[in-house]
């Protein structure tokens, strides 16, 4: 079996990734406002199918079909496919540092960006752009859990650890923050991996942003 392990930066260099593609590989820490601005779509939904394939350049992709239940930014329709670089395809495997992970039945809030030609949707900031919806054992409210795990490790969303109480992100508050940011618009500040031209094209602009 051929296996490779690439960091996001090394992968970007290896593929010659331009700015639109780099959104899927950056490991820079992104705020919720930055992820919202960098996203073509922000949606809630449930993963119903997962598979891997190779593109015309021989790179492995993990695909996850999402049934969309709510759209906070953009028009996603009822279904979409999320693409994440890396995974195992037949006898080949490529493990991508910081990749988002998926499992069937996983419900989440997803921040998604398209590549340059609009043929793929990938999580913004890789694992950062996916919040798995869980129930807070203390309050019974929905929380969003982000968890990074190597692609060569077993993953099942049902067994994600709950964050400490002080670090929990509540889905209703997160959704409200996203909606508010979408209405307010981009503030003109640079976002790692996102070109200013694209940010202007996919967002409202705050007063004074040209």
Protein backbone atom coordinates (compact mmCIF):
# COMPACT_ATOMS: atom_id res chain seq x y z
CA UNK A 1 0.00 0.00 0.00
CA UNK A 2 1.31 3.44 -0.92
CA UNK A 3 0.79 5.94 1.90
CA UNK A 4 1.75 9.60 2.09
CA UNK A 5 1.46 12.14 4.89
CA UNK A 6 1.47 15.81 3.94
CA UNK A 7 1.07 18.95 5.98
CA UNK A 8 -1.32 21.56 4.61
CA UNK A 9 1.52 23.84 3.58
CA UNK A 10 3.50 21.09 1.89
CA UNK A 11 0.36 19.87 0.13
CA UNK A 12 -0.40 23.35 -1.20
CA UNK A 13 3.10 23.59 -2.62
CA UNK A 14 2.98 20.07 -4.05
CA UNK A 15 -0.29 20.74 -5.88
CA UNK A 16 0.53 24.29 -6.90
CA UNK A 17 -2.63 25.44 -5.17
CA UNK A 18 -3.77 28.95 -6.02
CA UNK A 19 -5.67 31.24 -3.69
CA UNK A 20 -9.08 29.68 -4.26
CA UNK A 21 -7.76 26.19 -3.54
CA UNK A 22 -5.68 27.32 -0.59
CA UNK A 23 -8.84 27.99 1.38
CA UNK A 24 -9.20 24.24 1.79
CA UNK A 25 -5.68 23.74 3.08
CA UNK A 26 -4.85 26.67 5.34
CA UNK A 27 -4.33 25.85 9.00
CA UNK A 28 -4.37 29.47 10.11
CA UNK A 29 -6.71 29.97 13.05
CA UNK A 30 -9.93 31.52 11.75
CA UNK A 31 -12.66 33.30 13.69
CA UNK A 32 -16.34 32.59 13.06
CA UNK A 33 -16.64 35.94 11.27
CA UNK A 34 -13.67 35.09 9.03
CA UNK A 35 -15.06 31.65 8.22
CA UNK A 36 -18.45 33.17 7.43
CA UNK A 37 -16.91 35.75 5.11
CA UNK A 38 -14.74 33.12 3.37
CA UNK A 39 -17.67 30.73 2.84
CA UNK A 40 -19.75 30.50 -0.30
CA UNK A 41 -22.21 28.44 1.76
CA UNK A 42 -22.89 28.00 5.46
CA UNK A 43 -25.34 25.16 5.94
CA UNK A 44 -26.70 22.73 8.48
CA UNK A 45 -27.33 19.15 7.49
CA UNK A 46 -26.65 15.46 7.94
CA UNK A 47 -24.01 13.28 6.26
CA UNK A 48 -25.71 10.40 4.42
CA UNK A 49 -22.92 8.84 2.36
CA UNK A 50 -19.09 8.83 2.27
CA UNK A 51 -16.76 7.60 -0.45
CA UNK A 52 -13.29 8.22 -1.89
CA UNK A 53 -12.06 8.69 -5.44
CA UNK A 54 -9.14 10.05 -7.44
CA UNK A 55 -9.19 13.12 -9.64
CA UNK A 56 -7.58 13.41 -13.06
CA UNK A 57 -4.26 14.33 -11.42
CA UNK A 58 -4.27 11.20 -9.26
CA UNK A 59 -5.02 12.97 -5.97
CA UNK A 60 -7.29 11.21 -3.48
CA UNK A 61 -10.44 12.94 -2.25
CA UNK A 62 -12.89 11.97 0.45
CA UNK A 63 -16.46 12.89 -0.54
CA UNK A 64 -19.35 13.30 1.89
CA UNK A 65 -22.94 13.72 0.72
CA UNK A 66 -24.89 16.16 2.87
CA UNK A 67 -28.67 16.43 3.16
CA UNK A 68 -29.20 20.13 3.83
CA UNK A 69 -31.78 21.16 6.41
CA UNK A 70 -30.96 24.87 6.75
CA UNK A 71 -28.94 27.46 4.83
CA UNK A 72 -27.43 30.38 6.71
CA UNK A 73 -25.46 31.74 3.76
CA UNK A 74 -26.01 31.05 0.09
CA UNK A 75 -28.45 28.79 -1.72
CA UNK A 76 -27.36 25.19 -1.18
CA UNK A 77 -30.43 23.31 -2.35
CA UNK A 78 -31.45 20.04 -0.70
CA UNK A 79 -28.22 18.08 -1.19
CA UNK A 80 -24.56 18.78 -1.81
CA UNK A 81 -21.23 16.97 -1.80
CA UNK A 82 -18.37 18.09 0.44
CA UNK A 83 -14.86 17.27 -0.79
CA UNK A 84 -11.83 16.93 1.46
CA UNK A 85 -8.35 16.14 0.17
CA UNK A 86 -6.94 12.85 1.39
CA UNK A 87 -8.18 9.45 2.46
CA UNK A 88 -7.75 5.87 1.29
CA UNK A 89 -8.66 4.76 -2.21
CA UNK A 90 -8.16 1.08 -3.01
CA UNK A 91 -4.47 0.35 -2.26
CA UNK A 92 -3.38 3.99 -2.05
CA UNK A 93 -3.74 6.38 0.86
CA UNK A 94 -2.85 10.03 1.48
CA UNK A 95 -3.22 11.38 5.00
CA UNK A 96 -3.71 15.15 5.10
CA UNK A 97 -2.79 17.03 8.26
CA UNK A 98 -5.78 18.94 9.68
CA UNK A 99 -8.36 17.40 7.34
CA UNK A 100 -12.04 17.46 8.26
CA UNK A 101 -13.50 14.05 9.10
CA UNK A 102 -17.01 12.73 8.47
CA UNK A 103 -19.20 9.80 9.49
CA UNK A 104 -22.62 8.69 8.27
CA UNK A 105 -25.46 10.13 10.33
CA UNK A 106 -23.33 13.04 11.53
CA UNK A 107 -25.29 16.27 11.82
CA UNK A 108 -23.35 19.48 11.67
CA UNK A 109 -22.96 23.11 10.73
CA UNK A 110 -20.61 23.42 7.75
CA UNK A 111 -18.68 26.44 6.43
CA UNK A 112 -17.94 25.64 2.77
CA UNK A 113 -15.93 27.26 0.01
CA UNK A 114 -15.72 26.48 -3.70
CA UNK A 115 -12.50 25.96 -5.63
CA UNK A 116 -11.56 28.34 -8.45
CA UNK A 117 -13.67 26.71 -11.14
CA UNK A 118 -16.63 26.06 -8.84
CA UNK A 119 -16.53 22.28 -9.14
CA UNK A 120 -15.83 21.39 -5.49
CA UNK A 121 -17.04 22.45 -2.06
CA UNK A 122 -14.57 22.04 0.81
CA UNK A 123 -14.62 23.07 4.49
CA UNK A 124 -13.12 26.48 5.17
CA UNK A 125 -9.95 26.07 7.21
CA UNK A 126 -10.25 22.28 6.88
CA UNK A 127 -11.37 20.84 10.28
CA UNK A 128 -12.22 24.34 11.51
CA UNK A 129 -15.10 24.64 9.06
CA UNK A 130 -17.17 21.81 10.53
CA UNK A 131 -19.11 21.84 13.82
CA UNK A 132 -20.67 18.51 14.76
CA UNK A 133 -24.03 18.98 16.49
CA UNK A 134 -24.17 17.27 19.89
CA UNK A 135 -26.38 17.65 22.96
CA UNK A 136 -24.88 19.40 25.97
CA UNK A 137 -25.18 16.86 28.82
CA UNK A 138 -25.71 19.67 31.35
CA UNK A 139 -28.23 21.99 29.69
CA UNK A 140 -29.75 19.71 27.04
CA UNK A 141 -29.05 22.40 24.41
CA UNK A 142 -27.35 21.76 21.09
CA UNK A 143 -23.62 22.43 21.01
CA UNK A 144 -21.16 22.48 18.12
CA UNK A 145 -18.06 20.33 18.59
CA UNK A 146 -14.90 20.72 16.51
CA UNK A 147 -12.39 17.91 16.75
CA UNK A 148 -9.27 17.26 14.69
CA UNK A 149 -8.15 13.67 14.20
CA UNK A 150 -5.66 12.11 11.79
CA UNK A 151 -7.21 10.70 8.62
CA UNK A 152 -5.66 7.31 9.29
CA UNK A 153 -7.51 7.02 12.62
CA UNK A 154 -10.97 5.53 13.12
CA UNK A 155 -13.65 8.24 13.35
CA UNK A 156 -17.24 8.13 14.60
CA UNK A 157 -19.01 11.37 15.50
CA UNK A 158 -21.07 9.63 18.20
CA UNK A 159 -17.99 9.26 20.38
CA UNK A 160 -16.57 12.77 20.19
CA UNK A 161 -15.60 14.10 23.63
CA UNK A 162 -17.62 17.00 25.00
CA UNK A 163 -15.67 20.23 25.48
CA UNK A 164 -15.30 21.65 28.97
CA UNK A 165 -18.33 23.66 30.02
CA UNK A 166 -16.51 26.99 29.66
CA UNK A 167 -15.48 26.15 26.09
CA UNK A 168 -18.79 24.96 24.68
CA UNK A 169 -20.19 26.58 21.56
CA UNK A 170 -23.98 26.62 21.44
CA UNK A 171 -25.51 26.10 18.03
CA UNK A 172 -28.22 28.72 18.42
CA UNK A 173 -25.62 31.35 19.34
CA UNK A 174 -23.29 30.24 16.54
CA UNK A 175 -26.10 30.35 13.98
CA UNK A 176 -27.13 33.81 15.17
CA UNK A 177 -23.54 35.04 14.85
CA UNK A 178 -23.30 33.69 11.30
CA UNK A 179 -26.62 35.26 10.28
CA UNK A 180 -25.62 38.61 11.77
CA UNK A 181 -22.28 38.53 9.95
CA UNK A 182 -23.89 37.66 6.63
CA UNK A 183 -26.21 40.64 6.98
CA UNK A 184 -23.42 42.97 8.12
CA UNK A 185 -20.94 41.89 5.44
CA UNK A 186 -17.20 41.68 5.00
CA UNK A 187 -15.14 44.30 6.84
CA UNK A 188 -12.41 44.53 4.21
CA UNK A 189 -9.78 42.80 6.33
CA UNK A 190 -7.69 40.03 4.71
CA UNK A 191 -8.52 36.40 5.46
CA UNK A 192 -5.86 33.68 5.04
CA UNK A 193 -6.42 31.72 1.84
CA UNK A 194 -9.24 33.93 0.51
CA UNK A 195 -8.66 36.46 -2.24
CA UNK A 196 -10.09 39.99 -1.79
CA UNK A 197 -11.77 39.65 -5.17
CA UNK A 198 -13.70 36.59 -4.08
CA UNK A 199 -14.58 38.09 -0.69
CA UNK A 200 -16.11 41.09 -2.46
CA UNK A 201 -18.01 38.83 -4.84
CA UNK A 202 -19.63 36.55 -2.24
CA UNK A 203 -20.39 39.01 0.58
CA UNK A 204 -22.22 42.16 1.41
CA UNK A 205 -19.69 44.92 2.12
CA UNK A 206 -19.61 46.93 5.30
CA UNK A 207 -19.73 50.74 4.91
CA UNK A 208 -16.40 52.11 3.73
CA UNK A 209 -15.20 48.87 2.12
CA UNK A 210 -14.43 49.37 -1.54
